[in-house]
Amino acid sequence: MKRFALAIFCCSLATSAFAEIKNCEELKNEIEVKIQARAVPSYTLEIITKEEAEKHDIAMVVGSCENGTKAIIYQKNGDDQPIGTQPPAGVDQPADVGQPKARS
């Protein structure tokens, strides 16, 4: 039983070493690389406080940093569709999406 408790304790110490506090600029750069890999032409990433993030749509928050005190929000520029309504990348929409159906 002592060996089991010791093993659990050692595992918890090992995992806490991986849980580091992310620097906001570093995280923003990582997110920016992923967005650019999807070839998004125009977007804005902004670092804001947690309180400001609560005022935004949850779909806009793409990251949390500095131990949860700040958030990174994403906005695609030049697009009329809200972020949550866009289809995933690489998915074709049917031609009749958004068109009223004919009554018979």
PDB file of N, CA and C in Angstrom:
ATOM      1  N   MET A   1       0.826  -1.198   0.000  1.00  0.00           N
ATOM      2  CA  MET A   1       0.000   0.000   0.000  1.00  0.00           C
ATOM      3  C   MET A   1       0.868   1.259   0.000  1.00  0.00           C
ATOM      4  N   LYS A   2       1.988   1.196   0.736  1.00  0.00           N
ATOM      5  CA  LYS A   2       2.877   2.356   0.769  1.00  0.00           C
ATOM      6  C   LYS A   2       3.488   2.615  -0.606  1.00  0.00           C
ATOM      7  N   ARG A   3       3.798   1.548  -1.331  1.00  0.00           N
ATOM      8  CA  ARG A   3       4.363   1.708  -2.669  1.00  0.00           C
ATOM      9  C   ARG A   3       3.350   2.368  -3.604  1.00  0.00           C
ATOM     10  N   PHE A   4       2.097   1.966  -3.467  1.00  0.00           N
ATOM     11  CA  PHE A   4       1.043   2.547  -4.300  1.00  0.00           C
ATOM     12  C   PHE A   4       0.899   4.043  -4.008  1.00  0.00           C
ATOM     13  N   ALA A   5       0.895   4.401  -2.722  1.00  0.00           N
ATOM     14  CA  ALA A   5       0.780   5.805  -2.332  1.00  0.00           C
ATOM     15  C   ALA A   5       1.986   6.600  -2.830  1.00  0.00           C
ATOM     16  N   LEU A   6       3.164   5.995  -2.752  1.00  0.00           N
ATOM     17  CA  LEU A   6       4.373   6.653  -3.231  1.00  0.00           C
ATOM     18  C   LEU A   6       4.315   6.857  -4.750  1.00  0.00           C
ATOM     19  N   ALA A   7       3.800   5.870  -5.463  1.00  0.00           N
ATOM     20  CA  ALA A   7       3.672   5.979  -6.917  1.00  0.00           C
ATOM     21  C   ALA A   7       2.708   7.108  -7.294  1.00  0.00           C
ATOM     22  N   ILE A   8       1.582   7.201  -6.594  1.00  0.00           N
ATOM     23  CA  ILE A   8       0.609   8.277  -6.842  1.00  0.00           C
ATOM     24  C   ILE A   8       1.248   9.636  -6.565  1.00  0.00           C
ATOM     25  N   PHE A   9       1.973   9.737  -5.477  1.00  0.00           N
ATOM     26  CA  PHE A   9       2.633  10.989  -5.112  1.00  0.00           C
ATOM     27  C   PHE A   9       3.650  11.405  -6.173  1.00  0.00           C
ATOM     28  N   CYS A  10       4.454  10.470  -6.633  1.00  0.00           N
ATOM     29  CA  CYS A  10       5.465  10.767  -7.658  1.00  0.00           C
ATOM     30  C   CYS A  10       4.817  11.199  -8.972  1.00  0.00           C
ATOM     31  N   CYS A  11       3.720  10.547  -9.331  1.00  0.00           N
ATOM     32  CA  CYS A  11       3.008  10.924 -10.561  1.00  0.00           C
ATOM     33  C   CYS A  11       2.446  12.337 -10.457  1.00  0.00           C
ATOM     34  N   SER A  12       1.928  12.691  -9.298  1.00  0.00           N
ATOM     35  CA  SER A  12       1.368  14.034  -9.135  1.00  0.00           C
ATOM     36  C   SER A  12       2.457  15.092  -9.209  1.00  0.00           C
ATOM     37  N   LEU A  13       3.636  14.795  -8.697  1.00  0.00           N
ATOM     38  CA  LEU A  13       4.750  15.735  -8.809  1.00  0.00           C
ATOM     39  C   LEU A  13       5.196  15.890 -10.260  1.00  0.00           C
ATOM     40  N   ALA A  14       5.217  14.796 -10.981  1.00  0.00           N
ATOM     41  CA  ALA A  14       5.654  14.837 -12.376  1.00  0.00           C
ATOM     42  C   ALA A  14       4.684  15.636 -13.237  1.00  0.00           C
ATOM     43  N   THR A  15       3.392  15.491 -13.016  1.00  0.00           N
ATOM     44  CA  THR A  15       2.417  16.213 -13.837  1.00  0.00           C
ATOM     45  C   THR A  15       2.382  17.693 -13.503  1.00  0.00           C
ATOM     46  N   SER A  16       2.661  18.063 -12.254  1.00  0.00           N
ATOM     47  CA  SER A  16       2.646  19.484 -11.906  1.00  0.00           C
ATOM     48  C   SER A  16       3.793  20.230 -12.574  1.00  0.00           C
ATOM     49  N   ALA A  17       4.863  19.532 -12.907  1.00  0.00           N
ATOM     50  CA  ALA A  17       5.973  20.176 -13.607  1.00  0.00           C
ATOM     51  C   ALA A  17       5.578  20.568 -15.025  1.00  0.00           C
ATOM     52  N   PHE A  18       4.646  19.833 -15.628  1.00  0.00           N
ATOM     53  CA  PHE A  18       4.203  20.145 -16.986  1.00  0.00           C
ATOM     54  C   PHE A  18       3.181  21.276 -17.012  1.00  0.00           C
ATOM     55  N   ALA A  19       2.521  21.545 -15.911  1.00  0.00           N
ATOM     56  CA  ALA A  19       1.480  22.572 -15.854  1.00  0.00           C
ATOM     57  C   ALA A  19       2.125  23.921 -15.563  1.00  0.00           C
ATOM     58  N   GLU A  20       2.643  24.556 -16.588  1.00  0.00           N
ATOM     59  CA  GLU A  20       3.286  25.840 -16.426  1.00  0.00           C
ATOM     60  C   GLU A  20       2.322  26.961 -16.796  1.00  0.00           C
ATOM     61  N   ILE A  21       2.590  28.133 -16.278  1.00  0.00           N
ATOM     62  CA  ILE A  21       1.779  29.294 -16.606  1.00  0.00           C
ATOM     63  C   ILE A  21       2.261  29.830 -17.950  1.00  0.00           C
ATOM     64  N   LYS A  22       1.340  29.924 -18.914  1.00  0.00           N
ATOM     65  CA  LYS A  22       1.689  30.368 -20.264  1.00  0.00           C
ATOM     66  C   LYS A  22       1.823  31.882 -20.319  1.00  0.00           C
ATOM     67  N   ASN A  23       2.852  32.340 -20.991  1.00  0.00           N
ATOM     68  CA  ASN A  23       3.029  33.743 -21.289  1.00  0.00           C
ATOM     69  C   ASN A  23       2.041  34.107 -22.400  1.00  0.00           C
ATOM     70  N   CYS A  24       1.344  35.220 -22.280  1.00  0.00           N
ATOM     71  CA  CYS A  24       0.303  35.590 -23.252  1.00  0.00           C
ATOM     72  C   CYS A  24       0.859  35.808 -24.657  1.00  0.00           C
ATOM     73  N   GLU A  25       1.985  36.473 -24.767  1.00  0.00           N
ATOM     74  CA  GLU A  25       2.559  36.725 -26.093  1.00  0.00           C
ATOM     75  C   GLU A  25       2.979  35.421 -26.758  1.00  0.00           C
ATOM     76  N   GLU A  26       3.545  34.507 -25.970  1.00  0.00           N
ATOM     77  CA  GLU A  26       3.961  33.209 -26.508  1.00  0.00           C
ATOM     78  C   GLU A  26       2.754  32.422 -27.011  1.00  0.00           C
ATOM     79  N   LEU A  27       1.689  32.396 -26.214  1.00  0.00           N
ATOM     80  CA  LEU A  27       0.475  31.685 -26.612  1.00  0.00           C
ATOM     81  C   LEU A  27      -0.166  32.344 -27.833  1.00  0.00           C
ATOM     82  N   LYS A  28      -0.186  33.662 -27.860  1.00  0.00           N
ATOM     83  CA  LYS A  28      -0.752  34.390 -29.005  1.00  0.00           C
ATOM     84  C   LYS A  28       0.010  34.035 -30.283  1.00  0.00           C
ATOM     85  N   ASN A  29       1.331  33.952 -30.195  1.00  0.00           N
ATOM     86  CA  ASN A  29       2.138  33.584 -31.363  1.00  0.00           C
ATOM     87  C   ASN A  29       1.842  32.164 -31.823  1.00  0.00           C
ATOM     88  N   GLU A  30       1.651  31.230 -30.878  1.00  0.00           N
ATOM     89  CA  GLU A  30       1.311  29.848 -31.228  1.00  0.00           C
ATOM     90  C   GLU A  30      -0.035  29.786 -31.949  1.00  0.00           C
ATOM     91  N   ILE A  31      -1.014  30.532 -31.449  1.00  0.00           N
ATOM     92  CA  ILE A  31      -2.346  30.560 -32.065  1.00  0.00           C
ATOM     93  C   ILE A  31      -2.261  31.191 -33.451  1.00  0.00           C
ATOM     94  N   GLU A  32      -1.464  32.241 -33.566  1.00  0.00           N
ATOM     95  CA  GLU A  32      -1.312  32.932 -34.850  1.00  0.00           C
ATOM     96  C   GLU A  32      -0.728  32.003 -35.918  1.00  0.00           C
ATOM     97  N   VAL A  33       0.220  31.167 -35.539  1.00  0.00           N
ATOM     98  CA  VAL A  33       0.807  30.210 -36.482  1.00  0.00           C
ATOM     99  C   VAL A  33      -0.259  29.235 -36.978  1.00  0.00           C
ATOM    100  N   LYS A  34      -1.123  28.771 -36.071  1.00  0.00           N
ATOM    101  CA  LYS A  34      -2.185  27.834 -36.454  1.00  0.00           C
ATOM    102  C   LYS A  34      -3.199  28.498 -37.385  1.00  0.00           C
ATOM    103  N   ILE A  35      -3.525  29.753 -37.126  1.00  0.00           N
ATOM    104  CA  ILE A  35      -4.477  30.474 -37.977  1.00  0.00           C
ATOM    105  C   ILE A  35      -3.876  30.693 -39.364  1.00  0.00           C
ATOM    106  N   GLN A  36      -2.618  31.070 -39.412  1.00  0.00           N
ATOM    107  CA  GLN A  36      -1.955  31.291 -40.699  1.00  0.00           C
ATOM    108  C   GLN A  36      -1.835  29.993 -41.489  1.00  0.00           C
ATOM    109  N   ALA A  37      -1.713  28.863 -40.799  1.00  0.00           N
ATOM    110  CA  ALA A  37      -1.647  27.568 -41.483  1.00  0.00           C
ATOM    111  C   ALA A  37      -2.961  27.255 -42.189  1.00  0.00           C
ATOM    112  N   ARG A  38      -4.067  27.828 -41.710  1.00  0.00           N
ATOM    113  CA  ARG A  38      -5.376  27.640 -42.349  1.00  0.00           C
ATOM    114  C   ARG A  38      -5.632  28.691 -43.429  1.00  0.00           C
ATOM    115  N   ALA A  39      -4.646  29.525 -43.686  1.00  0.00           N
ATOM    116  CA  ALA A  39      -4.704  30.552 -44.733  1.00  0.00           C
ATOM    117  C   ALA A  39      -5.856  31.535 -44.543  1.00  0.00           C
ATOM    118  N   VAL A  40      -6.090  31.951 -43.311  1.00  0.00           N
ATOM    119  CA  VAL A  40      -7.105  32.976 -43.040  1.00  0.00           C
ATOM    120  C   VAL A  40      -6.508  34.317 -43.469  1.00  0.00           C
ATOM    121  N   PRO A  41      -7.171  35.040 -44.392  1.00  0.00           N
ATOM    122  CA  PRO A  41      -6.561  36.241 -44.963  1.00  0.00           C
ATOM    123  C   PRO A  41      -6.500  37.437 -44.015  1.00  0.00           C
ATOM    124  N   SER A  42      -7.517  37.650 -43.210  1.00  0.00           N
ATOM    125  CA  SER A  42      -7.562  38.839 -42.372  1.00  0.00           C
ATOM    126  C   SER A  42      -8.233  38.508 -41.046  1.00  0.00           C
ATOM    127  N   TYR A  43      -7.505  38.718 -39.960  1.00  0.00           N
ATOM    128  CA  TYR A  43      -8.027  38.394 -38.635  1.00  0.00           C
ATOM    129  C   TYR A  43      -7.354  39.286 -37.595  1.00  0.00           C
ATOM    130  N   THR A  44      -7.908  39.283 -36.403  1.00  0.00           N
ATOM    131  CA  THR A  44      -7.343  40.030 -35.295  1.00  0.00           C
ATOM    132  C   THR A  44      -7.276  39.123 -34.078  1.00  0.00           C
ATOM    133  N   LEU A  45      -6.127  39.082 -33.426  1.00  0.00           N
ATOM    134  CA  LEU A  45      -5.964  38.421 -32.136  1.00  0.00           C
ATOM    135  C   LEU A  45      -5.663  39.507 -31.122  1.00  0.00           C
ATOM    136  N   GLU A  46      -6.352  39.448 -29.987  1.00  0.00           N
ATOM    137  CA  GLU A  46      -6.185  40.492 -28.990  1.00  0.00           C
ATOM    138  C   GLU A  46      -6.111  39.872 -27.600  1.00  0.00           C
ATOM    139  N   ILE A  47      -5.184  40.358 -26.782  1.00  0.00           N
ATOM    140  CA  ILE A  47      -5.057  39.911 -25.395  1.00  0.00           C
ATOM    141  C   ILE A  47      -5.858  40.873 -24.530  1.00  0.00           C
ATOM    142  N   ILE A  48      -6.800  40.324 -23.765  1.00  0.00           N
ATOM    143  CA  ILE A  48      -7.658  41.147 -22.912  1.00  0.00           C
ATOM    144  C   ILE A  48      -7.749  40.516 -21.522  1.00  0.00           C
ATOM    145  N   THR A  49      -8.299  41.260 -20.570  1.00  0.00           N
ATOM    146  CA  THR A  49      -8.472  40.723 -19.223  1.00  0.00           C
ATOM    147  C   THR A  49      -9.628  39.726 -19.195  1.00  0.00           C
ATOM    148  N   LYS A  50      -9.667  38.930 -18.153  1.00  0.00           N
ATOM    149  CA  LYS A  50     -10.726  37.932 -18.002  1.00  0.00           C
ATOM    150  C   LYS A  50     -12.098  38.612 -17.938  1.00  0.00           C
ATOM    151  N   GLU A  51     -12.176  39.751 -17.272  1.00  0.00           N
ATOM    152  CA  GLU A  51     -13.440  40.476 -17.147  1.00  0.00           C
ATOM    153  C   GLU A  51     -13.934  40.958 -18.511  1.00  0.00           C
ATOM    154  N   GLU A  52     -13.024  41.450 -19.337  1.00  0.00           N
ATOM    155  CA  GLU A  52     -13.403  41.886 -20.682  1.00  0.00           C
ATOM    156  C   GLU A  52     -13.842  40.695 -21.529  1.00  0.00           C
ATOM    157  N   ALA A  53     -13.182  39.557 -21.346  1.00  0.00           N
ATOM    158  CA  ALA A  53     -13.510  38.356 -22.125  1.00  0.00           C
ATOM    159  C   ALA A  53     -14.921  37.870 -21.826  1.00  0.00           C
ATOM    160  N   GLU A  54     -15.390  38.058 -20.597  1.00  0.00           N
ATOM    161  CA  GLU A  54     -16.738  37.628 -20.229  1.00  0.00           C
ATOM    162  C   GLU A  54     -17.806  38.422 -20.976  1.00  0.00           C
ATOM    163  N   LYS A  55     -17.467  39.604 -21.478  1.00  0.00           N
ATOM    164  CA  LYS A  55     -18.408  40.432 -22.233  1.00  0.00           C
ATOM    165  C   LYS A  55     -18.504  40.000 -23.695  1.00  0.00           C
ATOM    166  N   HIS A  56     -17.529  39.225 -24.174  1.00  0.00           N
ATOM    167  CA  HIS A  56     -17.492  38.780 -25.569  1.00  0.00           C
ATOM    168  C   HIS A  56     -18.181  37.437 -25.721  1.00  0.00           C
ATOM    169  N   ASP A  57     -18.512  37.114 -26.962  1.00  0.00           N
ATOM    170  CA  ASP A  57     -19.064  35.808 -27.304  1.00  0.00           C
ATOM    171  C   ASP A  57     -18.027  34.745 -26.963  1.00  0.00           C
ATOM    172  N   ILE A  58     -18.460  33.659 -26.348  1.00  0.00           N
ATOM    173  CA  ILE A  58     -17.550  32.592 -25.932  1.00  0.00           C
ATOM    174  C   ILE A  58     -16.799  32.008 -27.122  1.00  0.00           C
ATOM    175  N   ALA A  59     -17.386  32.047 -28.316  1.00  0.00           N
ATOM    176  CA  ALA A  59     -16.728  31.508 -29.508  1.00  0.00           C
ATOM    177  C   ALA A  59     -15.514  32.342 -29.907  1.00  0.00           C
ATOM    178  N   MET A  60     -15.434  33.574 -29.431  1.00  0.00           N
ATOM    179  CA  MET A  60     -14.311  34.434 -29.778  1.00  0.00           C
ATOM    180  C   MET A  60     -13.077  34.147 -28.934  1.00  0.00           C
ATOM    181  N   VAL A  61     -13.248  33.576 -27.746  1.00  0.00           N
ATOM    182  CA  VAL A  61     -12.124  33.311 -26.853  1.00  0.00           C
ATOM    183  C   VAL A  61     -11.405  32.055 -27.333  1.00  0.00           C
ATOM    184  N   VAL A  62     -10.135  32.208 -27.722  1.00  0.00           N
ATOM    185  CA  VAL A  62      -9.374  31.086 -28.266  1.00  0.00           C
ATOM    186  C   VAL A  62      -8.231  30.652 -27.359  1.00  0.00           C
ATOM    187  N   GLY A  63      -8.023  31.354 -26.253  1.00  0.00           N
ATOM    188  CA  GLY A  63      -6.954  30.963 -25.353  1.00  0.00           C
ATOM    189  C   GLY A  63      -7.037  31.692 -24.032  1.00  0.00           C
ATOM    190  N   SER A  64      -6.410  31.094 -23.029  1.00  0.00           N
ATOM    191  CA  SER A  64      -6.347  31.677 -21.698  1.00  0.00           C
ATOM    192  C   SER A  64      -4.886  31.637 -21.261  1.00  0.00           C
ATOM    193  N   CYS A  65      -4.416  32.713 -20.634  1.00  0.00           N
ATOM    194  CA  CYS A  65      -3.005  32.765 -20.258  1.00  0.00           C
ATOM    195  C   CYS A  65      -2.836  33.477 -18.923  1.00  0.00           C
ATOM    196  N   GLU A  66      -1.597  33.490 -18.469  1.00  0.00           N
ATOM    197  CA  GLU A  66      -1.227  34.094 -17.193  1.00  0.00           C
ATOM    198  C   GLU A  66      -2.136  33.616 -16.068  1.00  0.00           C
ATOM    199  N   ASN A  67      -2.218  32.291 -15.965  1.00  0.00           N
ATOM    200  CA  ASN A  67      -2.973  31.614 -14.907  1.00  0.00           C
ATOM    201  C   ASN A  67      -4.457  31.976 -14.921  1.00  0.00           C
ATOM    202  N   GLY A  68      -5.018  32.175 -16.112  1.00  0.00           N
ATOM    203  CA  GLY A  68      -6.444  32.434 -16.253  1.00  0.00           C
ATOM    204  C   GLY A  68      -6.860  33.873 -16.033  1.00  0.00           C
ATOM    205  N   THR A  69      -5.908  34.783 -15.841  1.00  0.00           N
ATOM    206  CA  THR A  69      -6.263  36.182 -15.608  1.00  0.00           C
ATOM    207  C   THR A  69      -6.477  36.957 -16.900  1.00  0.00           C
ATOM    208  N   LYS A  70      -5.979  36.415 -18.012  1.00  0.00           N
ATOM    209  CA  LYS A  70      -6.139  37.074 -19.308  1.00  0.00           C
ATOM    210  C   LYS A  70      -6.637  36.066 -20.328  1.00  0.00           C
ATOM    211  N   ALA A  71      -7.216  36.587 -21.406  1.00  0.00           N
ATOM    212  CA  ALA A  71      -7.735  35.732 -22.476  1.00  0.00           C
ATOM    213  C   ALA A  71      -7.292  36.301 -23.815  1.00  0.00           C
ATOM    214  N   ILE A  72      -7.277  35.427 -24.818  1.00  0.00           N
ATOM    215  CA  ILE A  72      -6.964  35.842 -26.180  1.00  0.00           C
ATOM    216  C   ILE A  72      -8.221  35.642 -27.003  1.00  0.00           C
ATOM    217  N   ILE A  73      -8.664  36.722 -27.664  1.00  0.00           N
ATOM    218  CA  ILE A  73      -9.866  36.618 -28.493  1.00  0.00           C
ATOM    219  C   ILE A  73      -9.485  36.716 -29.962  1.00  0.00           C
ATOM    220  N   TYR A  74     -10.291  36.071 -30.788  1.00  0.00           N
ATOM    221  CA  TYR A  74     -10.072  35.994 -32.235  1.00  0.00           C
ATOM    222  C   TYR A  74     -11.266  36.598 -32.944  1.00  0.00           C
ATOM    223  N   GLN A  75     -10.990  37.385 -33.957  1.00  0.00           N
ATOM    224  CA  GLN A  75     -12.055  37.919 -34.799  1.00  0.00           C
ATOM    225  C   GLN A  75     -11.585  37.867 -36.239  1.00  0.00           C
ATOM    226  N   LYS A  76     -12.393  37.249 -37.088  1.00  0.00           N
ATOM    227  CA  LYS A  76     -12.083  37.193 -38.514  1.00  0.00           C
ATOM    228  C   LYS A  76     -12.605  38.475 -39.142  1.00  0.00           C
ATOM    229  N   ASN A  77     -11.754  39.222 -39.797  1.00  0.00           N
ATOM    230  CA  ASN A  77     -12.126  40.505 -40.393  1.00  0.00           C
ATOM    231  C   ASN A  77     -12.692  40.319 -41.788  1.00  0.00           C
ATOM    232  N   GLY A  78     -13.618  41.189 -42.163  1.00  0.00           N
ATOM    233  CA  GLY A  78     -14.165  41.188 -43.510  1.00  0.00           C
ATOM    234  C   GLY A  78     -15.126  40.059 -43.782  1.00  0.00           C
ATOM    235  N   ASP A  79     -15.756  39.511 -42.752  1.00  0.00           N
ATOM    236  CA  ASP A  79     -16.691  38.404 -42.930  1.00  0.00           C
ATOM    237  C   ASP A  79     -17.963  38.736 -42.171  1.00  0.00           C
ATOM    238  N   ASP A  80     -19.099  38.605 -42.824  1.00  0.00           N
ATOM    239  CA  ASP A  80     -20.375  38.940 -42.204  1.00  0.00           C
ATOM    240  C   ASP A  80     -20.903  37.844 -41.302  1.00  0.00           C
ATOM    241  N   GLN A  81     -20.423  36.609 -41.462  1.00  0.00           N
ATOM    242  CA  GLN A  81     -20.939  35.504 -40.662  1.00  0.00           C
ATOM    243  C   GLN A  81     -20.305  35.503 -39.285  1.00  0.00           C
ATOM    244  N   PRO A  82     -21.104  35.278 -38.221  1.00  0.00           N
ATOM    245  CA  PRO A  82     -20.521  35.098 -36.902  1.00  0.00           C
ATOM    246  C   PRO A  82     -19.632  33.853 -36.897  1.00  0.00           C
ATOM    247  N   ILE A  83     -18.635  33.842 -36.039  1.00  0.00           N
ATOM    248  CA  ILE A  83     -17.652  32.763 -36.018  1.00  0.00           C
ATOM    249  C   ILE A  83     -18.285  31.400 -35.815  1.00  0.00           C
ATOM    250  N   GLY A  84     -19.232  31.268 -34.921  1.00  0.00           N
ATOM    251  CA  GLY A  84     -19.815  29.965 -34.611  1.00  0.00           C
ATOM    252  C   GLY A  84     -20.664  29.369 -35.718  1.00  0.00           C
ATOM    253  N   THR A  85     -21.031  30.153 -36.742  1.00  0.00           N
ATOM    254  CA  THR A  85     -21.917  29.651 -37.790  1.00  0.00           C
ATOM    255  C   THR A  85     -21.175  29.225 -39.044  1.00  0.00           C
ATOM    256  N   GLN A  86     -19.872  29.386 -39.062  1.00  0.00           N
ATOM    257  CA  GLN A  86     -19.106  29.006 -40.240  1.00  0.00           C
ATOM    258  C   GLN A  86     -18.851  27.509 -40.238  1.00  0.00           C
ATOM    259  N   PRO A  87     -18.899  26.863 -41.414  1.00  0.00           N
ATOM    260  CA  PRO A  87     -18.617  25.433 -41.471  1.00  0.00           C
ATOM    261  C   PRO A  87     -17.142  25.180 -41.212  1.00  0.00           C
ATOM    262  N   PRO A  88     -16.787  24.006 -40.711  1.00  0.00           N
ATOM    263  CA  PRO A  88     -15.376  23.685 -40.513  1.00  0.00           C
ATOM    264  C   PRO A  88     -14.620  23.741 -41.835  1.00  0.00           C
ATOM    265  N   ALA A  89     -13.336  23.988 -41.750  1.00  0.00           N
ATOM    266  CA  ALA A  89     -12.510  24.082 -42.958  1.00  0.00           C
ATOM    267  C   ALA A  89     -12.554  22.778 -43.735  1.00  0.00           C
ATOM    268  N   GLY A  90     -12.716  22.881 -45.036  1.00  0.00           N
ATOM    269  CA  GLY A  90     -12.718  21.702 -45.893  1.00  0.00           C
ATOM    270  C   GLY A  90     -14.074  21.051 -46.058  1.00  0.00           C
ATOM    271  N   VAL A  91     -15.124  21.624 -45.453  1.00  0.00           N
ATOM    272  CA  VAL A  91     -16.466  21.048 -45.557  1.00  0.00           C
ATOM    273  C   VAL A  91     -17.273  21.890 -46.532  1.00  0.00           C
ATOM    274  N   ASP A  92     -17.798  21.263 -47.568  1.00  0.00           N
ATOM    275  CA  ASP A  92     -18.618  21.967 -48.550  1.00  0.00           C
ATOM    276  C   ASP A  92     -20.049  22.059 -48.050  1.00  0.00           C
ATOM    277  N   GLN A  93     -20.665  23.221 -48.261  1.00  0.00           N
ATOM    278  CA  GLN A  93     -22.060  23.396 -47.893  1.00  0.00           C
ATOM    279  C   GLN A  93     -22.933  23.057 -49.088  1.00  0.00           C
ATOM    280  N   PRO A  94     -24.122  22.493 -48.840  1.00  0.00           N
ATOM    281  CA  PRO A  94     -25.059  22.276 -49.944  1.00  0.00           C
ATOM    282  C   PRO A  94     -25.458  23.615 -50.552  1.00  0.00           C
ATOM    283  N   ALA A  95     -25.804  23.605 -51.835  1.00  0.00           N
ATOM    284  CA  ALA A  95     -26.135  24.840 -52.546  1.00  0.00           C
ATOM    285  C   ALA A  95     -27.402  25.497 -52.023  1.00  0.00           C
ATOM    286  N   ASP A  96     -28.306  24.729 -51.396  1.00  0.00           N
ATOM    287  CA  ASP A  96     -29.578  25.294 -50.965  1.00  0.00           C
ATOM    288  C   ASP A  96     -29.557  25.797 -49.519  1.00  0.00           C
ATOM    289  N   VAL A  97     -28.412  25.899 -48.893  1.00  0.00           N
ATOM    290  CA  VAL A  97     -28.346  26.374 -47.515  1.00  0.00           C
ATOM    291  C   VAL A  97     -28.782  27.828 -47.472  1.00  0.00           C
ATOM    292  N   GLY A  98     -29.692  28.135 -46.592  1.00  0.00           N
ATOM    293  CA  GLY A  98     -30.179  29.490 -46.433  1.00  0.00           C
ATOM    294  C   GLY A  98     -31.274  29.876 -47.406  1.00  0.00           C
ATOM    295  N   GLN A  99     -31.627  29.025 -48.326  1.00  0.00           N
ATOM    296  CA  GLN A  99     -32.683  29.309 -49.285  1.00  0.00           C
ATOM    297  C   GLN A  99     -34.001  28.760 -48.750  1.00  0.00           C
ATOM    298  N   PRO A 100     -35.099  29.521 -48.870  1.00  0.00           N
ATOM    299  CA  PRO A 100     -36.392  28.999 -48.423  1.00  0.00           C
ATOM    300  C   PRO A 100     -36.825  27.834 -49.307  1.00  0.00           C
ATOM    301  N   LYS A 101     -37.435  26.853 -48.677  1.00  0.00           N
ATOM    302  CA  LYS A 101     -37.904  25.683 -49.427  1.00  0.00           C
ATOM    303  C   LYS A 101     -39.218  26.012 -50.121  1.00  0.00           C
ATOM    304  N   ALA A 102     -39.355  25.492 -51.330  1.00  0.00           N
ATOM    305  CA  ALA A 102     -40.571  25.730 -52.116  1.00  0.00           C
ATOM    306  C   ALA A 102     -41.729  24.949 -51.510  1.00  0.00           C
ATOM    307  N   ARG A 103     -42.893  25.596 -51.470  1.00  0.00           N
ATOM    308  CA  ARG A 103     -44.087  24.919 -50.956  1.00  0.00           C
ATOM    309  C   ARG A 103     -44.730  24.134 -52.078  1.00  0.00           C
ATOM    310  N   SER A 104     -45.229  22.950 -51.753  1.00  0.00           N
ATOM    311  CA  SER A 104     -45.894  22.167 -52.790  1.00  0.00           C
ATOM    312  C   SER A 104     -47.357  22.026 -52.512  1.00  0.00           C
TER     313      SER A 104
END
